[in-house]
Protein backbone atom coordinates (compact mmCIF):
# COMPACT_ATOMS: atom_id res chain seq x y z
CA MET A 1 0.00 0.00 0.00
CA ASN A 2 2.94 2.34 0.66
CA GLN A 3 4.14 2.06 -2.96
CA GLU A 4 1.14 3.86 -4.46
CA LEU A 5 -0.94 6.91 -3.61
CA PHE A 6 -3.97 6.24 -1.45
CA ALA A 7 -7.13 7.91 -2.77
CA GLY A 8 -5.00 9.38 -5.54
CA ARG A 9 -3.04 11.86 -3.40
CA TYR A 10 -1.78 10.44 -0.07
CA ARG A 11 1.56 8.63 0.26
CA LEU A 12 1.38 6.37 3.33
CA ASP A 13 4.44 6.44 5.61
CA GLY A 14 3.38 3.72 8.03
CA LEU A 15 0.92 2.62 10.70
CA VAL A 16 0.99 4.85 13.81
CA GLY A 17 -2.02 3.55 15.71
CA SER A 18 -4.77 0.96 15.74
CA GLY A 19 -8.09 0.67 17.55
CA GLY A 20 -11.09 -1.61 17.51
CA MET A 21 -12.68 0.20 14.60
CA ALA A 22 -9.88 1.69 12.51
CA ASN A 23 -6.19 1.93 11.73
CA VAL A 24 -4.36 5.28 11.65
CA TYR A 25 -1.55 5.93 9.19
CA LYS A 26 0.93 8.76 8.91
CA ALA A 27 0.85 10.04 5.32
CA TYR A 28 2.05 12.85 3.08
CA ASP A 29 -0.49 14.80 1.06
CA GLU A 30 1.15 15.22 -2.36
CA LYS A 31 -1.30 17.96 -3.37
CA ALA A 32 -1.30 20.07 -0.19
CA HIS A 33 2.38 19.28 0.54
CA MET A 34 1.94 18.48 4.21
CA THR A 35 1.97 15.53 6.58
CA VAL A 36 -1.45 14.23 7.64
CA ALA A 37 -2.97 11.33 9.56
CA ILE A 38 -5.40 9.04 7.75
CA LYS A 39 -7.89 7.01 9.74
CA MET A 40 -9.15 3.98 7.78
CA LEU A 41 -11.99 1.67 8.73
CA LYS A 42 -10.64 -1.87 9.13
CA ASP A 43 -11.40 -4.35 6.36
CA GLU A 44 -13.34 -6.66 8.68
CA HIS A 45 -15.84 -3.85 9.37
CA LYS A 46 -16.45 -2.77 5.76
CA GLU A 47 -19.76 -4.61 5.63
CA ASP A 48 -20.80 -3.95 9.23
CA MET A 49 -23.50 -1.26 9.15
CA GLU A 50 -23.01 -0.29 12.82
CA PHE A 51 -19.29 0.36 12.32
CA LEU A 52 -19.99 2.19 9.06
CA ARG A 53 -22.51 4.42 10.83
CA ARG A 54 -20.04 5.14 13.67
CA PHE A 55 -17.30 5.98 11.18
CA GLU A 56 -19.63 8.26 9.22
CA ARG A 57 -20.65 9.98 12.48
CA GLU A 58 -17.02 10.67 13.33
CA ALA A 59 -16.36 12.08 9.84
CA SER A 60 -19.45 14.28 10.13
CA ALA A 61 -18.55 15.43 13.66
CA VAL A 62 -14.92 16.40 13.05
CA ILE A 63 -15.64 18.10 9.72
CA SER A 64 -18.37 20.22 11.35
CA LEU A 65 -16.00 21.36 14.14
CA SER A 66 -13.19 23.88 13.82
CA HIS A 67 -11.26 24.64 16.99
CA PRO A 68 -7.54 24.87 17.85
CA ASN A 69 -7.99 22.23 20.59
CA ILE A 70 -9.74 19.71 18.33
CA VAL A 71 -7.75 17.70 15.80
CA GLN A 72 -8.60 19.28 12.46
CA SER A 73 -10.25 17.26 9.69
CA TYR A 74 -9.29 17.94 6.07
CA ASP A 75 -11.19 15.34 4.08
CA ALA A 76 -13.31 12.17 4.27
CA GLY A 77 -14.55 9.63 1.77
CA THR A 78 -14.29 6.12 0.37
CA ASP A 79 -11.49 5.06 -1.98
CA GLU A 80 -11.81 2.95 -5.12
CA ASN A 81 -11.45 -0.23 -3.03
CA GLY A 82 -14.34 0.68 -0.75
CA VAL A 83 -12.15 1.73 2.21
CA SER A 84 -13.78 4.48 4.28
CA TYR A 85 -11.29 7.05 5.52
CA ILE A 86 -10.92 10.40 7.28
CA VAL A 87 -7.93 12.70 6.69
CA LEU A 88 -6.91 14.46 9.90
CA GLU A 89 -4.31 16.87 11.18
CA TYR A 90 -1.15 14.98 12.12
CA VAL A 91 -0.18 15.75 15.72
CA GLU A 92 3.37 14.92 16.83
CA GLY A 93 3.50 14.17 20.54
CA MET A 94 2.12 11.80 23.17
CA THR A 95 -1.28 11.05 24.61
CA LEU A 96 -2.23 12.53 27.97
CA LYS A 97 -2.37 8.96 29.31
CA GLU A 98 1.28 8.46 28.34
CA TYR A 99 2.14 11.87 29.82
CA ILE A 100 0.50 10.94 33.16
CA LYS A 101 2.51 7.70 33.24
CA VAL A 102 5.72 9.70 32.73
CA ARG A 103 4.91 12.53 35.15
CA GLY A 104 2.79 10.79 37.80
CA CYS A 105 0.84 13.55 39.56
CA ILE A 106 0.68 16.66 37.36
CA PRO A 107 0.96 19.97 39.31
CA PRO A 108 -2.34 21.88 39.67
CA ARG A 109 -1.28 24.79 37.46
CA GLU A 110 -0.29 22.51 34.57
CA THR A 111 -3.40 20.39 35.11
CA VAL A 112 -5.58 23.48 34.75
CA SER A 113 -3.76 24.47 31.56
CA ILE A 114 -4.31 21.02 29.99
CA ALA A 115 -7.87 20.56 31.26
CA GLY A 116 -8.78 24.11 30.26
CA GLN A 117 -7.91 23.38 26.63
CA VAL A 118 -9.89 20.12 26.66
CA LEU A 119 -12.87 21.95 28.17
CA ASP A 120 -12.55 24.65 25.49
CA ALA A 121 -12.76 21.89 22.87
CA LEU A 122 -15.78 20.30 24.56
CA ASN A 123 -17.50 23.66 24.89
CA HIS A 124 -17.10 24.21 21.14
CA ALA A 125 -18.42 20.71 20.37
CA HIS A 126 -21.40 21.10 22.72
CA GLU A 127 -22.26 24.52 21.27
CA ASN A 128 -22.37 22.81 17.88
CA GLY A 129 -24.62 20.04 19.16
CA ILE A 130 -21.94 17.31 19.35
CA ILE A 131 -21.39 15.13 22.45
CA HIS A 132 -18.03 13.34 22.43
CA ARG A 133 -19.05 10.44 24.75
CA ASP A 134 -15.51 9.03 25.12
CA VAL A 135 -13.49 11.74 26.87
CA LYS A 136 -10.37 10.10 28.33
CA PRO A 137 -6.63 10.84 28.44
CA GLN A 138 -6.02 8.31 25.64
CA ASN A 139 -8.01 10.68 23.37
CA VAL A 140 -6.08 13.81 24.29
CA MET A 141 -2.83 14.62 22.49
CA ILE A 142 -0.06 16.70 24.08
CA SER A 143 2.19 18.45 21.57
CA GLY A 144 4.43 21.10 23.13
CA ASN A 145 2.09 23.64 24.73
CA SER A 146 -0.80 22.55 22.54
CA VAL A 147 -3.53 20.15 23.67
CA LYS A 148 -5.91 18.54 21.19
CA LEU A 149 -9.01 16.39 21.68
CA THR A 150 -9.24 13.47 19.26
CA ASP A 151 -11.40 10.47 18.33
CA PHE A 152 -15.03 11.46 17.84
CA GLY A 153 -15.71 7.85 16.80
CA ILE A 154 -18.73 7.44 19.10
CA ALA A 155 -19.79 11.10 19.16
CA ARG A 156 -23.46 11.81 18.62
CA ASP A 157 -25.67 14.77 17.82
CA ALA A 158 -27.08 16.05 21.10
CA SER A 159 -30.61 15.90 19.71
CA SER A 160 -30.37 12.19 18.83
CA THR A 161 -31.06 9.20 21.10
CA THR A 162 -27.76 8.38 22.74
CA ARG A 163 -28.18 5.12 24.61
CA THR A 164 -24.82 3.69 25.47
CA PHE A 165 -25.38 -0.01 25.98
CA ALA A 166 -25.50 -2.54 23.18
CA GLY A 167 -26.27 -5.81 24.87
CA THR A 168 -23.62 -6.01 27.58
CA ASN A 169 -21.08 -3.92 25.68
CA VAL A 170 -20.41 -0.50 27.20
CA ILE A 171 -19.58 2.20 24.65
CA GLY A 172 -16.91 4.52 26.05
CA SER A 173 -14.01 3.74 28.36
CA VAL A 174 -15.32 2.27 31.60
CA HIS A 175 -12.78 4.09 33.83
CA TYR A 176 -14.19 7.46 32.70
CA ILE A 177 -17.81 6.51 32.01
CA SER A 178 -20.59 8.63 33.52
CA PRO A 179 -23.28 6.97 35.69
CA GLU A 180 -25.95 7.63 33.06
CA GLN A 181 -23.80 5.98 30.38
CA ALA A 182 -23.26 2.95 32.62
CA ARG A 183 -27.00 2.84 33.32
CA GLY A 184 -27.98 3.05 29.66
CA ASP A 185 -29.72 6.44 29.94
CA ASP A 186 -29.58 9.28 27.45
CA VAL A 187 -26.23 11.08 27.33
CA THR A 188 -25.86 14.86 27.52
CA ALA A 189 -23.09 17.45 27.68
CA GLU A 190 -22.92 16.80 31.44
CA SER A 191 -21.76 13.24 30.62
CA ASP A 192 -18.67 14.62 28.85
CA ILE A 193 -18.10 16.92 31.84
CA TYR A 194 -18.18 13.91 34.20
CA SER A 195 -15.59 12.07 32.09
CA CYS A 196 -13.41 15.19 31.94
CA ALA A 197 -13.62 15.55 35.74
CA VAL A 198 -12.42 11.94 36.12
CA MET A 199 -9.55 12.77 33.75
CA VAL A 200 -8.63 15.81 35.87
CA TYR A 201 -8.81 13.55 38.95
CA GLU A 202 -6.24 11.26 37.33
CA MET A 203 -3.95 14.15 36.40
CA LEU A 204 -3.96 15.49 39.97
CA THR A 205 -3.59 12.14 41.75
CA GLY A 206 -1.91 9.87 39.22
CA THR A 207 -4.74 7.33 39.52
CA VAL A 208 -8.34 6.85 38.39
CA PRO A 209 -11.00 7.02 41.13
CA PHE A 210 -12.37 3.53 40.57
CA GLY A 211 -10.60 0.28 39.76
CA GLY A 212 -11.83 -3.29 39.56
CA ASP A 213 -11.27 -6.77 38.25
CA ASN A 214 -13.57 -6.28 35.25
CA THR A 215 -15.49 -3.62 33.37
CA VAL A 216 -18.81 -4.46 35.05
CA ALA A 217 -17.34 -4.02 38.54
CA ILE A 218 -15.89 -0.63 37.59
CA ALA A 219 -19.14 0.51 35.95
CA LEU A 220 -21.03 -0.42 39.12
CA LYS A 221 -18.68 1.73 41.20
CA HIS A 222 -19.44 4.73 38.96
CA LEU A 223 -23.12 4.01 39.64
CA GLN A 224 -23.00 3.31 43.35
CA GLU A 225 -19.81 4.42 45.10
CA GLU A 226 -18.66 7.90 46.07
CA MET A 227 -15.22 8.98 44.93
CA ILE A 228 -12.48 9.65 47.44
CA PRO A 229 -11.89 13.42 47.08
CA PRO A 230 -8.58 13.96 45.23
CA VAL A 231 -7.25 16.16 48.06
CA GLU A 232 -7.35 13.07 50.32
CA ILE A 233 -4.99 11.30 47.92
CA ASN A 234 -2.72 14.26 47.13
CA ALA A 235 -2.66 16.80 49.98
CA LYS A 236 -0.87 19.34 47.76
CA ILE A 237 -4.05 19.88 45.72
CA PRO A 238 -5.93 23.08 46.66
CA GLN A 239 -9.16 22.23 48.48
CA SER A 240 -11.14 24.35 46.02
CA MET A 241 -9.72 22.42 43.05
CA SER A 242 -10.68 19.13 44.69
CA ASP A 243 -14.20 20.55 45.11
CA VAL A 244 -14.33 21.47 41.39
CA VAL A 245 -13.44 17.90 40.43
CA MET A 246 -16.05 16.44 42.79
CA LYS A 247 -18.73 18.78 41.42
CA GLY A 248 -17.81 17.87 37.83
CA ALA A 249 -18.03 14.17 38.77
CA ALA A 250 -21.27 14.35 40.78
CA LYS A 251 -23.39 11.20 40.50
CA ASP A 252 -26.49 13.23 39.55
CA ALA A 253 -26.00 15.16 36.31
CA ALA A 254 -28.14 17.97 37.74
CA ASP A 255 -25.44 18.64 40.37
CA ARG A 256 -22.61 18.93 37.82
CA TYR A 257 -21.44 21.90 35.82
CA HIS A 258 -23.87 22.49 33.00
CA SER A 259 -21.24 23.80 30.61
CA ALA A 260 -17.60 22.99 30.01
CA GLU A 261 -16.87 26.72 30.16
CA ASP A 262 -18.23 26.94 33.73
CA MET A 263 -15.99 24.09 34.88
CA LYS A 264 -12.94 25.66 33.23
CA ASN A 265 -13.67 29.01 34.90
CA ASP A 266 -13.86 27.35 38.32
CA LEU A 267 -10.59 25.45 37.75
CA VAL A 268 -8.85 28.75 36.94
CA ARG A 269 -10.51 30.37 39.96
CA ALA A 270 -9.26 27.53 42.18
CA LEU A 271 -5.66 28.53 41.40
CA LYS A 272 -6.41 32.04 42.66
CA GLU A 273 -8.59 30.98 45.61
CA PRO A 274 -7.10 27.68 46.91
CA ARG A 275 -9.28 27.79 50.05
CA GLY A 276 -12.42 29.04 48.33
CA ARG A 277 -15.65 27.09 48.85
CA PHE A 278 -17.35 28.24 45.65
CA ALA A 279 -17.57 24.72 44.19
CA LYS A 280 -18.49 22.85 47.38
CA LEU A 281 -21.46 20.53 46.81
CA SER A 282 -24.21 20.59 49.40
CA VAL A 283 -24.98 17.24 51.05
CA LYS A 284 -28.38 15.89 50.08
CA LYS A 285 -30.52 14.49 52.88
CA LYS A 286 -32.31 11.98 50.69
CA PRO A 287 -31.42 11.18 47.10
CA VAL A 288 -34.33 11.16 44.68
CA GLU A 289 -34.77 7.80 42.99
CA LYS A 290 -34.91 8.17 39.23
CA LYS A 291 -37.35 6.16 37.14
CA HIS A 292 -35.93 4.27 34.20
CA ASN A 293 -37.47 2.35 31.37
CA SER A 294 -37.98 -1.38 31.81
CA LYS A 295 -35.11 -2.20 29.46
CA GLY A 296 -32.71 -0.13 31.55
CA ILE A 297 -33.96 -1.71 34.81
CA ILE A 298 -33.61 -5.23 33.48
CA LEU A 299 -30.17 -4.48 32.05
CA ALA A 300 -28.92 -2.88 35.26
CA SER A 301 -30.31 -5.79 37.28
CA VAL A 302 -28.53 -8.32 35.09
CA ILE A 303 -25.26 -6.42 35.48
CA ILE A 304 -25.58 -6.11 39.26
CA VAL A 305 -26.51 -9.77 39.71
CA GLY A 306 -23.63 -10.82 37.47
CA ALA A 307 -21.22 -8.61 39.39
CA ALA A 308 -22.50 -9.98 42.68
CA LEU A 309 -21.88 -13.52 41.52
CA ILE A 310 -18.36 -12.61 40.44
CA ILE A 311 -17.61 -10.83 43.72
CA THR A 312 -19.08 -13.70 45.74
CA GLY A 313 -17.01 -16.23 43.81
CA VAL A 314 -13.83 -14.24 44.27
CA ALA A 315 -14.54 -13.86 48.00
CA LEU A 316 -15.14 -17.59 48.43
CA ILE A 317 -11.98 -18.51 46.56
CA SER A 318 -9.98 -15.94 48.51
CA SER A 319 -11.35 -17.31 51.78
CA MET A 320 -10.48 -20.86 50.80
CA LEU A 321 -6.95 -19.96 49.72
CA ASN A 322 -6.17 -17.86 52.75
CA GLY A 323 -7.92 -20.06 55.29
CA ARG A 324 -9.78 -17.08 56.69
CA GLY A 325 -12.92 -17.85 58.57
CA LYS A 326 -15.58 -15.37 59.55
CA GLY A 327 -14.63 -13.54 62.71
CA GLU A 328 -10.96 -14.53 62.55
CA GLU A 329 -8.58 -11.92 64.01
CA PHE A 330 -5.51 -10.43 62.33
CA LEU A 331 -2.70 -8.13 63.40
CA ILE A 332 -3.16 -4.44 62.63
CA PRO A 333 -0.34 -3.31 60.28
CA SER A 334 1.94 -0.33 60.95
CA LEU A 335 0.73 2.59 58.82
CA GLU A 336 2.41 5.60 60.43
CA GLY A 337 4.87 7.36 58.14
CA LYS A 338 3.47 5.72 55.01
CA PRO A 339 1.87 7.67 52.13
CA LEU A 340 -1.93 7.54 52.35
CA GLU A 341 -2.46 5.33 49.29
CA GLU A 342 0.26 2.89 50.38
CA ALA A 343 -1.36 2.73 53.81
CA ARG A 344 -4.77 2.15 52.25
CA SER A 345 -3.45 -0.70 50.07
CA LEU A 346 -1.65 -2.29 53.03
CA ALA A 347 -4.79 -2.14 55.19
CA GLU A 348 -6.96 -3.65 52.46
CA LEU A 349 -4.37 -6.38 51.83
CA ARG A 350 -4.78 -7.43 55.48
CA GLY A 351 -8.59 -7.39 55.14
CA PHE A 352 -9.23 -4.02 56.82
CA THR A 353 -10.72 -0.79 55.52
CA LEU A 354 -9.11 2.61 56.05
CA ALA A 355 -10.78 5.91 56.89
CA VAL A 356 -9.23 9.38 57.21
CA SER A 357 -10.47 11.18 60.33
CA ASP A 358 -8.53 14.43 59.90
CA TYR A 359 -5.69 16.27 58.16
CA VAL A 360 -3.24 17.78 60.64
CA ILE A 361 -0.23 20.09 60.51
CA SER A 362 2.95 18.10 61.15
CA THR A 363 6.62 19.05 61.25
CA GLU A 364 7.60 15.38 61.56
CA PHE A 365 5.75 13.90 58.59
CA PRO A 366 5.66 15.31 55.02
CA ALA A 367 2.29 16.15 53.47
CA GLY A 368 0.27 13.05 52.55
CA GLN A 369 1.83 10.68 55.10
CA VAL A 370 -0.08 8.99 57.94
CA THR A 371 0.77 10.59 61.29
CA LYS A 372 -1.44 8.54 63.62
CA GLN A 373 -3.58 5.41 63.51
CA ASN A 374 -6.25 3.75 65.61
CA PRO A 375 -6.05 0.87 66.49
CA MET A 376 -2.26 0.94 66.86
CA ASN A 377 -0.08 -1.50 64.98
CA GLY A 378 0.27 -4.87 66.68
CA ALA A 379 -3.29 -4.83 68.01
CA ARG A 380 -5.76 -7.42 66.74
CA GLY A 381 -8.80 -6.76 64.61
CA LYS A 382 -11.39 -8.71 62.64
CA GLU A 383 -11.53 -8.79 58.87
CA GLY A 384 -13.60 -5.84 57.67
CA ASP A 385 -12.76 -3.63 60.69
CA THR A 386 -11.89 0.01 60.02
CA ILE A 387 -8.50 1.54 60.81
CA THR A 388 -8.85 5.30 61.35
CA VAL A 389 -5.87 7.49 60.47
CA GLU A 390 -4.78 11.11 60.61
CA VAL A 391 -2.81 12.43 57.64
CA SER A 392 -0.21 15.21 57.49
CA SER A 393 -1.21 18.30 55.55
CA GLY A 394 2.38 19.50 55.69
CA SER A 395 4.27 21.64 58.13
CA GLY A 396 1.73 24.43 57.79
CA TYR A 397 4.56 26.76 56.85
CA ALA A 398 5.91 28.04 53.55
CA ILE A 399 9.01 29.95 52.49
CA VAL A 400 8.27 33.20 50.66
CA PRO A 401 9.96 33.23 47.22
CA ASN A 402 12.00 36.17 45.93
CA MET A 403 9.73 37.94 43.46
CA VAL A 404 11.63 41.22 42.99
CA GLY A 405 12.26 41.72 39.28
CA SER A 406 9.40 39.37 38.29
CA THR A 407 6.12 40.30 36.64
CA ILE A 408 2.83 39.97 38.49
CA THR A 409 1.99 36.86 36.41
CA GLU A 410 5.31 35.19 37.21
CA ALA A 411 4.90 36.09 40.89
CA SER A 412 1.40 34.60 41.06
CA LEU A 413 2.74 31.29 39.74
CA MET A 414 5.68 31.35 42.18
CA LEU A 415 3.31 31.91 45.11
CA ALA A 416 0.93 29.14 43.96
CA GLU A 417 3.84 26.68 43.92
CA GLU A 418 4.51 27.50 47.60
CA ASN A 419 0.82 27.39 48.65
CA LEU A 420 0.78 31.17 49.16
CA ASN A 421 -1.65 33.81 47.91
CA MET A 422 -1.18 37.14 46.18
CA GLY A 423 -2.13 39.94 48.54
CA SER A 424 -2.55 43.63 47.75
CA VAL A 425 -0.80 45.13 44.73
CA GLY A 426 0.68 48.64 44.98
CA TYR A 427 2.61 50.73 42.45
CA ASP A 428 5.86 52.71 42.63
CA PRO A 429 6.20 55.28 39.81
CA THR A 430 9.62 56.36 41.12
CA SER A 431 11.30 52.95 40.74
CA GLU A 432 14.20 52.56 38.31
CA LEU A 433 13.17 49.01 37.44
CA PRO A 434 11.26 48.51 34.15
CA ASP A 435 7.53 49.13 34.35
CA GLY A 436 5.59 46.05 35.34
CA GLN A 437 8.34 44.47 37.47
CA ILE A 438 7.96 43.89 41.22
CA VAL A 439 10.20 46.24 43.22
CA ARG A 440 9.23 45.27 46.80
CA GLN A 441 7.36 42.54 48.67
CA VAL A 442 6.06 41.98 52.20
CA PRO A 443 6.90 39.55 53.77
CA GLU A 444 10.41 39.60 52.34
CA ALA A 445 11.98 36.73 50.42
CA ASP A 446 12.96 33.63 52.46
CA SER A 447 10.56 34.56 55.28
CA ARG A 448 8.84 31.60 56.97
CA VAL A 449 5.07 32.12 57.04
CA SER A 450 1.91 30.04 57.40
CA GLU A 451 0.63 28.30 54.27
CA PHE A 452 -1.95 30.28 52.26
CA GLU A 453 -0.61 33.51 53.77
CA TYR A 454 -1.00 36.64 51.61
CA VAL A 455 2.09 38.37 50.19
CA ASP A 456 1.78 42.06 49.25
CA VAL A 457 3.78 43.44 46.33
CA TRP A 458 4.63 46.80 44.77
CA ILE A 459 5.10 47.13 41.01
CA SER A 460 7.26 49.61 39.12
CA GLY A 461 5.25 52.24 37.26
CA SER A 462 1.64 53.33 37.53
CA GLU A 463 -1.41 51.12 37.83
CA THR A 464 -2.56 49.69 34.51
CA PRO A 465 -5.68 47.67 33.70
CA GLN A 466 -5.17 43.90 33.65
CA ILE A 467 -5.88 41.92 30.48
CA GLU A 468 -6.56 38.19 30.24
CA MET A 469 -4.26 36.52 27.72
CA PRO A 470 -6.25 34.64 25.04
CA SER A 471 -5.31 31.15 23.84
CA VAL A 472 -3.58 31.53 20.45
CA VAL A 473 -1.54 28.30 20.22
CA GLY A 474 -2.67 26.43 17.10
CA LYS A 475 -3.97 29.59 15.42
CA ASP A 476 -2.48 31.00 12.24
CA THR A 477 -0.25 34.04 12.79
CA VAL A 478 -2.69 36.59 11.34
CA THR A 479 -5.60 35.31 13.45
CA ALA A 480 -3.42 35.18 16.58
CA LEU A 481 -2.29 38.80 16.15
CA LYS A 482 -5.88 39.88 15.55
CA MET A 483 -7.06 38.08 18.72
CA LEU A 484 -4.29 39.72 20.77
CA GLN A 485 -5.15 43.12 19.34
CA GLU A 486 -8.85 42.62 20.14
CA SER A 487 -7.81 41.73 23.71
CA LYS A 488 -6.18 45.20 23.95
CA ILE A 489 -2.63 43.80 23.91
CA SER A 490 -0.70 46.42 21.98
CA ARG A 491 2.81 44.91 21.71
CA VAL A 492 3.59 41.41 20.45
CA TRP A 493 7.03 39.98 19.77
CA VAL A 494 6.86 37.41 16.98
CA HIS A 495 9.59 34.74 17.09
CA VAL A 496 10.08 32.65 13.97
CA VAL A 497 10.84 28.92 14.28
CA THR A 498 11.71 26.52 11.47
CA PRO A 499 8.84 24.03 11.04
CA GLU A 500 9.56 20.36 11.54
CA GLU A 501 8.42 17.81 8.98
CA GLY A 502 4.65 17.77 8.74
CA MET A 503 4.16 21.18 10.35
CA VAL A 504 2.21 23.88 8.53
CA ASP A 505 3.68 27.36 8.02
CA GLU A 506 2.41 30.34 10.02
CA ILE A 507 0.92 28.37 12.93
CA VAL A 508 1.57 29.54 16.50
CA GLN A 509 3.41 26.83 18.47
CA GLN A 510 3.93 28.62 21.80
CA GLN A 511 2.83 31.75 23.62
CA SER A 512 3.90 33.77 26.64
CA PRO A 513 2.20 34.56 28.96
CA ALA A 514 0.13 31.36 28.96
CA ALA A 515 -3.57 31.45 28.10
CA ASN A 516 -5.88 32.89 30.80
CA MET A 517 -3.02 34.62 32.63
CA SER A 518 -3.46 38.32 33.41
CA VAL A 519 -1.04 40.89 31.97
CA GLY A 520 -0.83 44.62 32.43
CA GLU A 521 -2.01 46.90 29.65
CA GLY A 522 1.04 47.78 27.55
CA SER A 523 2.90 44.60 28.50
CA VAL A 524 4.69 42.62 25.81
CA ALA A 525 3.19 39.29 24.69
CA GLU A 526 5.31 36.80 22.77
CA ILE A 527 4.37 34.14 20.22
CA TRP A 528 6.50 31.57 18.39
CA THR A 529 5.27 30.79 14.88
CA THR A 530 6.45 28.42 12.13
CA ARG A 531 7.96 29.89 8.94
CA SER A 532 10.01 27.94 6.38
CA TYR A 533 10.90 30.92 4.15
CA LEU A 534 12.09 34.05 5.96
CA GLY A 535 11.96 36.33 2.93
CA SER A 536 14.16 38.27 0.52
CA GLY A 537 14.97 41.39 2.57
CA PHE A 538 18.43 41.50 4.20
CA ALA A 539 20.34 44.04 6.26
CA ASP A 540 23.67 44.09 8.12
CA ILE A 541 23.01 45.78 11.48
CA ALA A 542 25.48 46.98 14.11
CA VAL A 543 24.78 48.92 17.34
CA ASN A 544 26.83 49.83 20.43
CA LEU A 545 25.11 49.53 23.81
CA ASP A 546 25.89 50.55 27.37
CA VAL A 547 25.17 47.53 29.60
CA GLU A 548 25.07 48.17 33.34
CA ALA A 549 24.09 44.69 34.57
CA GLU A 550 26.62 41.87 34.71
CA GLU A 551 24.85 40.33 31.73
CA SER A 552 21.78 41.56 29.85
CA THR A 553 19.43 40.15 27.22
CA VAL A 554 19.31 42.21 24.03
CA VAL A 555 16.35 41.90 21.67
CA VAL A 556 16.06 43.73 18.34
CA THR A 557 12.70 43.81 16.54
CA ALA A 558 11.43 45.10 13.21
CA LEU A 559 7.99 46.71 13.25
CA MET A 560 5.41 44.82 11.18
CA ASP A 561 2.33 46.26 9.50
CA ASP A 562 0.13 45.39 12.50
CA ILE A 563 0.78 45.23 16.26
CA GLY A 564 3.51 42.66 15.81
CA GLU A 565 7.26 43.16 16.09
CA LEU A 566 9.34 40.54 14.31
CA VAL A 567 12.28 39.46 16.49
CA ILE A 568 15.35 39.70 14.23
CA TYR A 569 17.99 39.29 16.95
CA GLN A 570 18.16 37.96 20.51
CA GLY A 571 21.32 37.39 22.54
CA LYS A 572 23.28 38.02 25.75
CA VAL A 573 25.65 40.96 26.19
CA LYS A 574 28.21 41.36 28.99
CA ASN A 575 28.63 44.42 31.21
CA GLY A 576 30.44 47.39 29.67
CA THR A 577 30.15 50.66 27.77
CA GLN A 578 29.63 50.73 24.01
CA GLN A 579 29.36 46.96 23.80
CA PRO A 580 29.07 45.97 20.11
CA VAL A 581 26.12 43.95 18.80
CA ALA A 582 26.35 43.00 15.11
CA PHE A 583 24.22 40.61 13.05
CA THR A 584 22.55 40.07 9.67
CA ALA A 585 18.76 40.32 9.70
CA ASN A 586 16.33 38.73 7.27
CA ILE A 587 12.70 39.77 6.74
CA ARG A 588 10.04 39.01 4.14
CA SER A 589 10.53 41.92 1.74
CA SER A 590 12.96 44.72 0.97
CA GLY A 591 12.43 48.34 2.02
CA ALA A 592 12.85 50.58 5.03
CA ARG A 593 11.69 49.33 8.43
CA GLU A 594 11.72 50.90 11.87
CA CYS A 595 13.66 48.69 14.29
CA ILE A 596 13.65 48.77 18.11
CA VAL A 597 16.47 47.72 20.45
CA TYR A 598 15.54 46.39 23.90
CA VAL A 599 17.88 45.71 26.83
CA ASP A 600 16.28 43.48 29.47
CA GLY A 601 12.87 44.34 28.07
CA VAL A 602 13.41 48.11 28.15
CA GLU A 603 13.44 50.06 24.89
CA VAL A 604 16.79 51.88 24.51
CA LYS A 605 16.96 52.82 20.84
CA ARG A 606 14.94 53.16 17.63
CA MET A 607 16.44 53.30 14.16
CA GLU A 608 15.36 53.03 10.55
CA ILE A 609 17.02 50.16 8.69
CA ASN A 610 16.95 49.68 4.93
CA PHE A 611 16.51 46.03 3.92
CA THR A 612 17.70 45.16 0.41
CA GLN A 613 17.10 42.16 -1.83
CA ARG A 614 19.97 39.69 -2.19
């Protein structure tokens, strides 16, 4: 197949993935001159009408959606041999599932960045009447700073009937399945939100909330069991963020977020208000029993009975193998000093259950470790007894970072890493530091303070309105600059990067500050965009600069026709007077351009440079 063009234009480079329904190939589009991914329905499903319908639904869904956080679709059809296919954007990177395996627990700030982009994608799909129905980290691609939602293979129009059982086969991954999907009820946007909340749970804790020996057992847990709040597994998670996850994963869809945008907004808010109670679910006195159709009742009953038989069988076998009789006593294990999840596993291995009674400040035990247990180790207990433990929430103290010279955005992130909050923000118009940089802080750097303490800062310059940075990664350069301009950001440095194989020209690969971060009006935003041909305009440029610091960063830009400034030079210069900086610059076309020289972000010189064709 690799020796000829598929569908008359695609040269296949090899298989890159395979699922139950389709194979995915990396390919080169000979007409568009770019690398793509081609998803082909497997031969064994060519005559299967259900698989054909699912494949057609995916093609219809992805073609109808256009969003930077959704893998783009270019084409769909059937080739001369009857093979159904979809041509998609080729994304170089790893799945979120692979990323979690590499990283373990992902820090809250990074989790919010990733989840926020997935929720943006879901919000766009829901607004266009598409429910994904299989949101899971295996269907999220991480490529640099870009996050893309993939695989709309079982997506449905929100107005259609979306039952999720076919016999005993659950559609959607059982570890992330919503209760209504497991029950066989209609699926709504809230079902995607539940699955996304479970995915966020896994990012924050490194584990899914429910495990089991088989898919039925796991599905039953989604139906019947309450999740352990993620903050009880990872004490470094802000309480408010744990609350957001629990609200997104509420058993009753009516208690969840009703839009992906609302959940994203609360995740961002949780970074700013780690102790906020804005997402706390109220405890219901009596759950309302929902009525289901007879088919759903029968199906659920069959599943529960089957699961009960399995569980009973496993219990009997376990009892026979271990020689454990009812009421037999066992020694309580030592749990003090062990991480909570290790302690929980050890207790369950001995036949006990574990309950957390409280989180306490401890200078002896790091956050997340058991500080006290009852009964004590060495005592005897019966199988099924509960061991109650207290868990360390950390020392209760934090060390204030040095934020002088940082921007307010950088400082906010530094404080969040130390479990501290940004306090009041003042301004100092007399400071010699560049506008927008922090000149003073209280408490001072390296001070020991209580966790979640507020740190006040003073910023060089006068107060300026704050602007929220839009998400422009994945956008074309023109659109990105327009979005930044519409957001009232007046200065943008455009860095050019050489595209790797398969990348499209003029697509933003990275941005600074990150999406959703606040920046002062007049602050510089930076984007990195792909460009294979720099242009025909050249100029030899030389300037002499007085550098007072031991070493300074020098940036030279050429003004573009819009708000952008093309970065034509960036480098380090040592301390000294009249330090020479010389380089050859290359821009798209010849002619005169105004160029700006910056030293450590401060404009020091403007000059008109004539670029000539070579």
